[in-house]
Amino acid sequence: MALKALLRLKTRAQFQAVLAERVVAKSEHFALHRHGLDPLAPSAGRPMFSPGLWLGAMVPKRWAKRSVTRHAIKRQMYVVAQEMLPEQDCAAYLLRLRSGFSRQQFHSSSSDLLKQAVRAELASLMTRLPAAPNASPSAP
């Protein structure tokens, strides 16, 4: 199984553009924003995005105090999104941590238990993702 090419959001302007869009799916700890891109429109109007599937991940210090925890959560976000986002979609997505995980339940800052809980919740979130309005049908 080949992994799809996933472009990463890098600039502040890219993050702000996607954050300005409504939340398309949310769970107890995560929210997913989607910014649709028109693959046929010239990129001169939107120099910050080229056609393709974009992803950004936000894990604020407010919800994950230790950097090792933030990085572990971000890695899980990128892996699950790489596996589950619609490949043919031409859009920018932003996964955002919107509340913290219990320190009483997850004692270690980067435990396997925490990673499994993050993965399970993200997989559940991705299954509730609505169909992409501008996704082109895949060729047989």
N, C-alpha and C. Protein backbone atom coordinates (compact mmCIF):
# COMPACT_ATOMS: atom_id res chain seq x y z
N MET A 1 0.85 -1.18 0.00
CA MET A 1 0.00 0.00 0.00
C MET A 1 0.89 1.24 0.00
N ALA A 2 0.76 2.05 -1.03
CA ALA A 2 1.57 3.26 -1.15
C ALA A 2 0.91 4.40 -0.38
N LEU A 3 1.71 5.18 0.31
CA LEU A 3 1.18 6.31 1.05
C LEU A 3 0.99 7.48 0.10
N LYS A 4 -0.08 8.23 0.30
CA LYS A 4 -0.36 9.38 -0.56
C LYS A 4 0.53 10.56 -0.18
N ALA A 5 0.74 11.44 -1.14
CA ALA A 5 1.54 12.63 -0.89
C ALA A 5 0.70 13.61 -0.07
N LEU A 6 1.20 13.97 1.05
CA LEU A 6 0.50 14.87 1.95
C LEU A 6 1.39 16.08 2.16
N LEU A 7 0.94 17.25 1.72
CA LEU A 7 1.70 18.48 1.90
C LEU A 7 1.40 19.02 3.29
N ARG A 8 2.38 19.61 3.93
CA ARG A 8 2.17 20.12 5.29
C ARG A 8 2.02 21.64 5.31
N LEU A 9 1.08 22.09 6.11
CA LEU A 9 0.93 23.53 6.34
C LEU A 9 2.16 24.00 7.10
N LYS A 10 2.73 25.12 6.66
CA LYS A 10 3.95 25.60 7.32
C LYS A 10 3.89 27.05 7.75
N THR A 11 3.22 27.89 6.98
CA THR A 11 3.24 29.31 7.29
C THR A 11 2.04 29.72 8.14
N ARG A 12 2.20 30.82 8.81
CA ARG A 12 1.13 31.36 9.64
C ARG A 12 -0.11 31.66 8.80
N ALA A 13 0.09 32.20 7.60
CA ALA A 13 -1.02 32.53 6.71
C ALA A 13 -1.81 31.27 6.32
N GLN A 14 -1.12 30.18 6.09
CA GLN A 14 -1.80 28.93 5.75
C GLN A 14 -2.65 28.45 6.93
N PHE A 15 -2.07 28.45 8.11
CA PHE A 15 -2.81 28.02 9.30
C PHE A 15 -4.03 28.92 9.53
N GLN A 16 -3.86 30.22 9.38
CA GLN A 16 -4.96 31.15 9.62
C GLN A 16 -6.08 30.96 8.59
N ALA A 17 -5.70 30.69 7.33
CA ALA A 17 -6.71 30.48 6.30
C ALA A 17 -7.57 29.25 6.61
N VAL A 18 -6.95 28.19 7.07
CA VAL A 18 -7.71 26.97 7.38
C VAL A 18 -8.49 27.14 8.68
N LEU A 19 -7.91 27.80 9.67
CA LEU A 19 -8.61 28.03 10.94
C LEU A 19 -9.84 28.90 10.77
N ALA A 20 -9.85 29.76 9.75
CA ALA A 20 -10.99 30.63 9.50
C ALA A 20 -12.21 29.85 9.02
N GLU A 21 -11.98 28.64 8.54
CA GLU A 21 -13.09 27.80 8.05
C GLU A 21 -13.77 27.11 9.23
N ARG A 22 -14.98 26.63 8.99
CA ARG A 22 -15.73 25.97 10.06
C ARG A 22 -15.15 24.59 10.37
N VAL A 23 -15.49 24.09 11.53
CA VAL A 23 -15.08 22.76 11.95
C VAL A 23 -15.98 21.75 11.22
N VAL A 24 -15.38 20.77 10.53
CA VAL A 24 -16.17 19.78 9.80
C VAL A 24 -16.40 18.51 10.62
N ALA A 25 -15.57 18.27 11.61
CA ALA A 25 -15.75 17.11 12.49
C ALA A 25 -15.03 17.41 13.80
N LYS A 26 -15.61 16.91 14.90
CA LYS A 26 -14.93 17.09 16.18
C LYS A 26 -15.23 15.91 17.08
N SER A 27 -14.33 15.72 18.02
CA SER A 27 -14.46 14.66 19.01
C SER A 27 -14.21 15.30 20.37
N GLU A 28 -14.07 14.47 21.38
CA GLU A 28 -13.85 14.99 22.73
C GLU A 28 -12.59 15.85 22.82
N HIS A 29 -11.51 15.43 22.16
CA HIS A 29 -10.24 16.13 22.27
C HIS A 29 -9.79 16.86 21.00
N PHE A 30 -10.38 16.56 19.85
CA PHE A 30 -9.88 17.10 18.59
C PHE A 30 -10.96 17.79 17.78
N ALA A 31 -10.52 18.74 16.94
CA ALA A 31 -11.39 19.40 15.97
C ALA A 31 -10.67 19.36 14.63
N LEU A 32 -11.43 19.20 13.55
CA LEU A 32 -10.86 19.14 12.21
C LEU A 32 -11.49 20.24 11.36
N HIS A 33 -10.65 21.14 10.87
CA HIS A 33 -11.07 22.22 9.98
C HIS A 33 -10.73 21.82 8.55
N ARG A 34 -11.55 22.26 7.57
CA ARG A 34 -11.29 21.97 6.16
C ARG A 34 -11.44 23.24 5.33
N HIS A 35 -10.43 23.50 4.52
CA HIS A 35 -10.43 24.65 3.61
C HIS A 35 -10.35 24.08 2.20
N GLY A 36 -11.48 24.14 1.46
CA GLY A 36 -11.52 23.59 0.11
C GLY A 36 -10.68 24.41 -0.85
N LEU A 37 -9.98 23.72 -1.73
CA LEU A 37 -9.16 24.36 -2.76
C LEU A 37 -9.71 23.97 -4.11
N ASP A 38 -9.76 24.90 -5.03
CA ASP A 38 -10.22 24.61 -6.38
C ASP A 38 -9.01 24.21 -7.22
N PRO A 39 -8.92 22.93 -7.63
CA PRO A 39 -7.73 22.49 -8.36
C PRO A 39 -7.61 23.12 -9.74
N LEU A 40 -8.71 23.66 -10.28
CA LEU A 40 -8.68 24.25 -11.62
C LEU A 40 -8.39 25.75 -11.60
N ALA A 41 -8.52 26.37 -10.43
CA ALA A 41 -8.28 27.81 -10.32
C ALA A 41 -6.79 28.11 -10.39
N PRO A 42 -6.42 29.22 -11.02
CA PRO A 42 -4.99 29.57 -11.06
C PRO A 42 -4.49 29.86 -9.65
N SER A 43 -3.25 29.50 -9.40
CA SER A 43 -2.69 29.67 -8.06
C SER A 43 -2.32 31.11 -7.76
N ALA A 44 -2.44 32.02 -8.75
CA ALA A 44 -2.10 33.42 -8.51
C ALA A 44 -3.01 34.04 -7.46
N GLY A 45 -4.27 33.59 -7.42
CA GLY A 45 -5.20 34.11 -6.43
C GLY A 45 -4.92 33.58 -5.04
N ARG A 46 -4.34 32.39 -4.95
CA ARG A 46 -4.03 31.77 -3.67
C ARG A 46 -2.60 31.25 -3.70
N PRO A 47 -1.63 32.15 -3.57
CA PRO A 47 -0.24 31.69 -3.67
C PRO A 47 0.19 30.80 -2.51
N MET A 48 -0.59 30.76 -1.44
CA MET A 48 -0.16 29.98 -0.28
C MET A 48 -0.45 28.49 -0.42
N PHE A 49 -1.32 28.09 -1.38
CA PHE A 49 -1.65 26.69 -1.56
C PHE A 49 -1.50 26.29 -3.02
N SER A 50 -0.80 25.21 -3.26
CA SER A 50 -0.80 24.60 -4.58
C SER A 50 -1.83 23.48 -4.52
N PRO A 51 -2.34 23.02 -5.67
CA PRO A 51 -3.34 21.94 -5.63
C PRO A 51 -2.76 20.70 -4.96
N GLY A 52 -3.58 20.05 -4.18
CA GLY A 52 -3.15 18.84 -3.49
C GLY A 52 -3.85 18.70 -2.16
N LEU A 53 -3.41 17.73 -1.41
CA LEU A 53 -3.96 17.46 -0.08
C LEU A 53 -2.99 18.00 0.96
N TRP A 54 -3.43 18.98 1.74
CA TRP A 54 -2.62 19.65 2.75
C TRP A 54 -3.09 19.25 4.14
N LEU A 55 -2.14 19.23 5.09
CA LEU A 55 -2.48 18.92 6.48
C LEU A 55 -1.60 19.72 7.43
N GLY A 56 -2.24 20.22 8.46
CA GLY A 56 -1.53 20.88 9.54
C GLY A 56 -2.00 20.31 10.86
N ALA A 57 -1.17 20.39 11.88
CA ALA A 57 -1.53 19.87 13.20
C ALA A 57 -1.19 20.94 14.24
N MET A 58 -2.14 21.20 15.13
CA MET A 58 -1.92 22.17 16.21
C MET A 58 -2.15 21.48 17.55
N VAL A 59 -1.13 21.55 18.39
CA VAL A 59 -1.23 21.00 19.74
C VAL A 59 -0.73 22.11 20.69
N PRO A 60 -1.65 22.93 21.19
CA PRO A 60 -1.25 24.05 22.04
C PRO A 60 -0.67 23.60 23.38
N LYS A 61 0.24 24.41 23.91
CA LYS A 61 0.82 24.15 25.23
C LYS A 61 -0.26 24.15 26.30
N ARG A 62 -1.32 24.87 26.06
CA ARG A 62 -2.40 24.93 27.04
C ARG A 62 -2.96 23.54 27.33
N TRP A 63 -3.00 22.67 26.31
CA TRP A 63 -3.60 21.34 26.48
C TRP A 63 -2.58 20.22 26.64
N ALA A 64 -1.33 20.46 26.28
CA ALA A 64 -0.27 19.46 26.45
C ALA A 64 0.98 20.22 26.90
N LYS A 65 1.22 20.24 28.18
CA LYS A 65 2.28 21.08 28.75
C LYS A 65 3.68 20.67 28.33
N ARG A 66 3.94 19.37 28.26
CA ARG A 66 5.30 18.90 27.97
C ARG A 66 5.51 18.74 26.46
N SER A 67 6.66 19.16 25.98
CA SER A 67 6.93 19.09 24.53
C SER A 67 6.93 17.66 24.02
N VAL A 68 7.38 16.72 24.83
CA VAL A 68 7.40 15.32 24.40
C VAL A 68 5.97 14.83 24.14
N THR A 69 5.02 15.30 24.94
CA THR A 69 3.62 14.94 24.74
C THR A 69 3.07 15.60 23.48
N ARG A 70 3.38 16.88 23.28
CA ARG A 70 2.91 17.58 22.08
C ARG A 70 3.43 16.90 20.82
N HIS A 71 4.68 16.54 20.81
CA HIS A 71 5.27 15.91 19.62
C HIS A 71 4.70 14.51 19.40
N ALA A 72 4.48 13.77 20.46
CA ALA A 72 3.90 12.42 20.32
C ALA A 72 2.49 12.50 19.75
N ILE A 73 1.70 13.46 20.22
CA ILE A 73 0.34 13.63 19.70
C ILE A 73 0.38 14.07 18.24
N LYS A 74 1.26 15.00 17.91
CA LYS A 74 1.37 15.46 16.51
C LYS A 74 1.75 14.31 15.57
N ARG A 75 2.68 13.48 16.00
CA ARG A 75 3.07 12.34 15.15
C ARG A 75 1.87 11.43 14.89
N GLN A 76 1.07 11.19 15.91
CA GLN A 76 -0.11 10.34 15.73
C GLN A 76 -1.11 11.03 14.80
N MET A 77 -1.24 12.34 14.91
CA MET A 77 -2.15 13.09 14.05
C MET A 77 -1.77 12.93 12.58
N TYR A 78 -0.49 13.10 12.29
CA TYR A 78 -0.03 13.00 10.90
C TYR A 78 -0.17 11.57 10.36
N VAL A 79 0.13 10.58 11.16
CA VAL A 79 0.05 9.19 10.71
C VAL A 79 -1.40 8.79 10.40
N VAL A 80 -2.31 9.10 11.31
CA VAL A 80 -3.71 8.73 11.11
C VAL A 80 -4.29 9.49 9.92
N ALA A 81 -3.98 10.77 9.81
CA ALA A 81 -4.50 11.56 8.69
C ALA A 81 -3.95 11.04 7.36
N GLN A 82 -2.69 10.66 7.34
CA GLN A 82 -2.07 10.12 6.12
C GLN A 82 -2.83 8.87 5.66
N GLU A 83 -3.23 8.05 6.62
CA GLU A 83 -3.93 6.81 6.30
C GLU A 83 -5.40 7.02 5.93
N MET A 84 -6.06 8.03 6.53
CA MET A 84 -7.51 8.09 6.44
C MET A 84 -8.12 9.26 5.67
N LEU A 85 -7.36 10.31 5.36
CA LEU A 85 -7.94 11.42 4.61
C LEU A 85 -8.21 10.98 3.17
N PRO A 86 -9.26 11.51 2.56
CA PRO A 86 -9.57 11.11 1.18
C PRO A 86 -8.46 11.54 0.22
N GLU A 87 -7.88 10.57 -0.46
CA GLU A 87 -6.72 10.80 -1.31
C GLU A 87 -7.00 11.77 -2.46
N GLN A 88 -8.19 11.70 -3.04
CA GLN A 88 -8.50 12.51 -4.20
C GLN A 88 -8.96 13.93 -3.84
N ASP A 89 -9.09 14.23 -2.58
CA ASP A 89 -9.56 15.54 -2.14
C ASP A 89 -8.49 16.60 -2.37
N CYS A 90 -8.91 17.75 -2.85
CA CYS A 90 -8.01 18.89 -3.04
C CYS A 90 -8.41 19.92 -1.99
N ALA A 91 -7.81 19.82 -0.81
CA ALA A 91 -8.20 20.67 0.30
C ALA A 91 -7.06 20.77 1.30
N ALA A 92 -7.20 21.74 2.20
CA ALA A 92 -6.26 21.88 3.30
C ALA A 92 -7.02 21.56 4.59
N TYR A 93 -6.46 20.66 5.38
CA TYR A 93 -7.07 20.24 6.64
C TYR A 93 -6.18 20.70 7.79
N LEU A 94 -6.82 20.98 8.91
CA LEU A 94 -6.08 21.33 10.12
C LEU A 94 -6.68 20.54 11.27
N LEU A 95 -5.88 19.68 11.87
CA LEU A 95 -6.27 18.93 13.06
C LEU A 95 -5.80 19.72 14.26
N ARG A 96 -6.73 19.98 15.19
CA ARG A 96 -6.41 20.81 16.34
C ARG A 96 -6.82 20.10 17.62
N LEU A 97 -5.89 20.05 18.58
CA LEU A 97 -6.21 19.53 19.91
C LEU A 97 -7.02 20.61 20.62
N ARG A 98 -8.21 20.26 21.09
CA ARG A 98 -9.08 21.27 21.69
C ARG A 98 -9.31 21.08 23.18
N SER A 99 -8.79 19.98 23.73
CA SER A 99 -8.81 19.79 25.19
C SER A 99 -7.72 18.78 25.55
N GLY A 100 -7.29 18.84 26.79
CA GLY A 100 -6.18 18.00 27.22
C GLY A 100 -6.60 16.60 27.62
N PHE A 101 -5.65 15.68 27.57
CA PHE A 101 -5.86 14.32 28.04
C PHE A 101 -5.57 14.29 29.54
N SER A 102 -6.30 13.50 30.28
CA SER A 102 -6.19 13.43 31.72
C SER A 102 -4.80 12.95 32.17
N ARG A 103 -4.16 13.72 33.03
CA ARG A 103 -2.85 13.32 33.54
C ARG A 103 -2.98 12.19 34.56
N GLN A 104 -4.16 12.03 35.14
CA GLN A 104 -4.38 10.92 36.07
C GLN A 104 -4.48 9.60 35.30
N GLN A 105 -5.07 9.65 34.12
CA GLN A 105 -5.23 8.44 33.32
C GLN A 105 -3.94 8.09 32.56
N PHE A 106 -3.25 9.11 32.07
CA PHE A 106 -2.02 8.91 31.30
C PHE A 106 -0.86 9.54 32.06
N HIS A 107 -0.23 8.74 32.92
CA HIS A 107 0.82 9.25 33.80
C HIS A 107 2.06 9.66 33.03
N SER A 108 2.47 8.86 32.09
CA SER A 108 3.67 9.15 31.31
C SER A 108 3.33 10.14 30.20
N SER A 109 4.27 11.02 29.91
CA SER A 109 4.01 12.06 28.92
C SER A 109 3.98 11.55 27.49
N SER A 110 4.53 10.38 27.22
CA SER A 110 4.46 9.83 25.86
C SER A 110 4.28 8.32 25.90
N SER A 111 3.37 7.86 26.73
CA SER A 111 3.16 6.42 26.90
C SER A 111 2.48 5.82 25.68
N ASP A 112 2.64 4.51 25.52
CA ASP A 112 1.96 3.80 24.44
C ASP A 112 0.46 3.87 24.62
N LEU A 113 0.00 3.89 25.86
CA LEU A 113 -1.42 3.99 26.15
C LEU A 113 -1.99 5.32 25.62
N LEU A 114 -1.26 6.41 25.82
CA LEU A 114 -1.68 7.72 25.31
C LEU A 114 -1.72 7.71 23.79
N LYS A 115 -0.68 7.16 23.17
CA LYS A 115 -0.63 7.11 21.70
C LYS A 115 -1.78 6.29 21.14
N GLN A 116 -2.10 5.19 21.78
CA GLN A 116 -3.22 4.35 21.32
C GLN A 116 -4.55 5.09 21.48
N ALA A 117 -4.71 5.80 22.57
CA ALA A 117 -5.95 6.56 22.80
C ALA A 117 -6.10 7.66 21.75
N VAL A 118 -4.99 8.35 21.45
CA VAL A 118 -5.01 9.41 20.44
C VAL A 118 -5.37 8.82 19.08
N ARG A 119 -4.71 7.73 18.72
CA ARG A 119 -4.98 7.07 17.42
C ARG A 119 -6.44 6.64 17.30
N ALA A 120 -6.95 6.02 18.34
CA ALA A 120 -8.33 5.53 18.31
C ALA A 120 -9.32 6.69 18.15
N GLU A 121 -9.10 7.76 18.88
CA GLU A 121 -10.01 8.91 18.78
C GLU A 121 -9.91 9.58 17.42
N LEU A 122 -8.69 9.70 16.89
CA LEU A 122 -8.52 10.30 15.56
C LEU A 122 -9.14 9.44 14.47
N ALA A 123 -8.99 8.13 14.58
CA ALA A 123 -9.59 7.22 13.59
C ALA A 123 -11.12 7.37 13.62
N SER A 124 -11.68 7.46 14.81
CA SER A 124 -13.12 7.66 14.95
C SER A 124 -13.54 9.00 14.34
N LEU A 125 -12.75 10.03 14.57
CA LEU A 125 -13.03 11.36 14.02
C LEU A 125 -13.01 11.33 12.50
N MET A 126 -12.02 10.66 11.93
CA MET A 126 -11.89 10.60 10.47
C MET A 126 -13.03 9.84 9.81
N THR A 127 -13.60 8.87 10.51
CA THR A 127 -14.72 8.14 9.92
C THR A 127 -15.98 8.99 9.85
N ARG A 128 -16.05 10.02 10.68
CA ARG A 128 -17.21 10.93 10.66
C ARG A 128 -17.03 12.09 9.70
N LEU A 129 -15.93 12.11 8.99
CA LEU A 129 -15.64 13.18 8.05
C LEU A 129 -16.63 13.16 6.89
N PRO A 130 -17.30 14.30 6.60
CA PRO A 130 -18.24 14.31 5.48
C PRO A 130 -17.51 14.14 4.14
N ALA A 131 -18.25 13.70 3.14
CA ALA A 131 -17.66 13.51 1.81
C ALA A 131 -17.19 14.86 1.27
N ALA A 132 -16.04 14.85 0.61
CA ALA A 132 -15.46 16.08 0.06
C ALA A 132 -16.30 16.57 -1.11
N PRO A 133 -16.75 17.83 -1.08
CA PRO A 133 -17.61 18.33 -2.15
C PRO A 133 -16.90 18.48 -3.49
N ASN A 134 -15.60 18.72 -3.48
CA ASN A 134 -14.89 18.92 -4.75
C ASN A 134 -13.97 17.78 -5.10
N ALA A 135 -14.20 16.64 -4.50
CA ALA A 135 -13.33 15.48 -4.80
C ALA A 135 -13.70 14.92 -6.16
N SER A 136 -12.69 14.66 -6.95
CA SER A 136 -12.94 14.08 -8.26
C SER A 136 -13.03 12.58 -8.13
N PRO A 137 -13.88 11.93 -8.94
CA PRO A 137 -13.99 10.47 -8.84
C PRO A 137 -12.68 9.81 -9.24
N SER A 138 -12.35 8.76 -8.54
CA SER A 138 -11.07 8.08 -8.84
C SER A 138 -11.22 7.26 -10.11
N ALA A 139 -10.14 7.22 -10.86
CA ALA A 139 -10.12 6.47 -12.12
C ALA A 139 -10.03 4.98 -11.85
N PRO A 140 -10.69 4.14 -12.66
CA PRO A 140 -10.63 2.70 -12.42
C PRO A 140 -9.29 2.12 -12.75
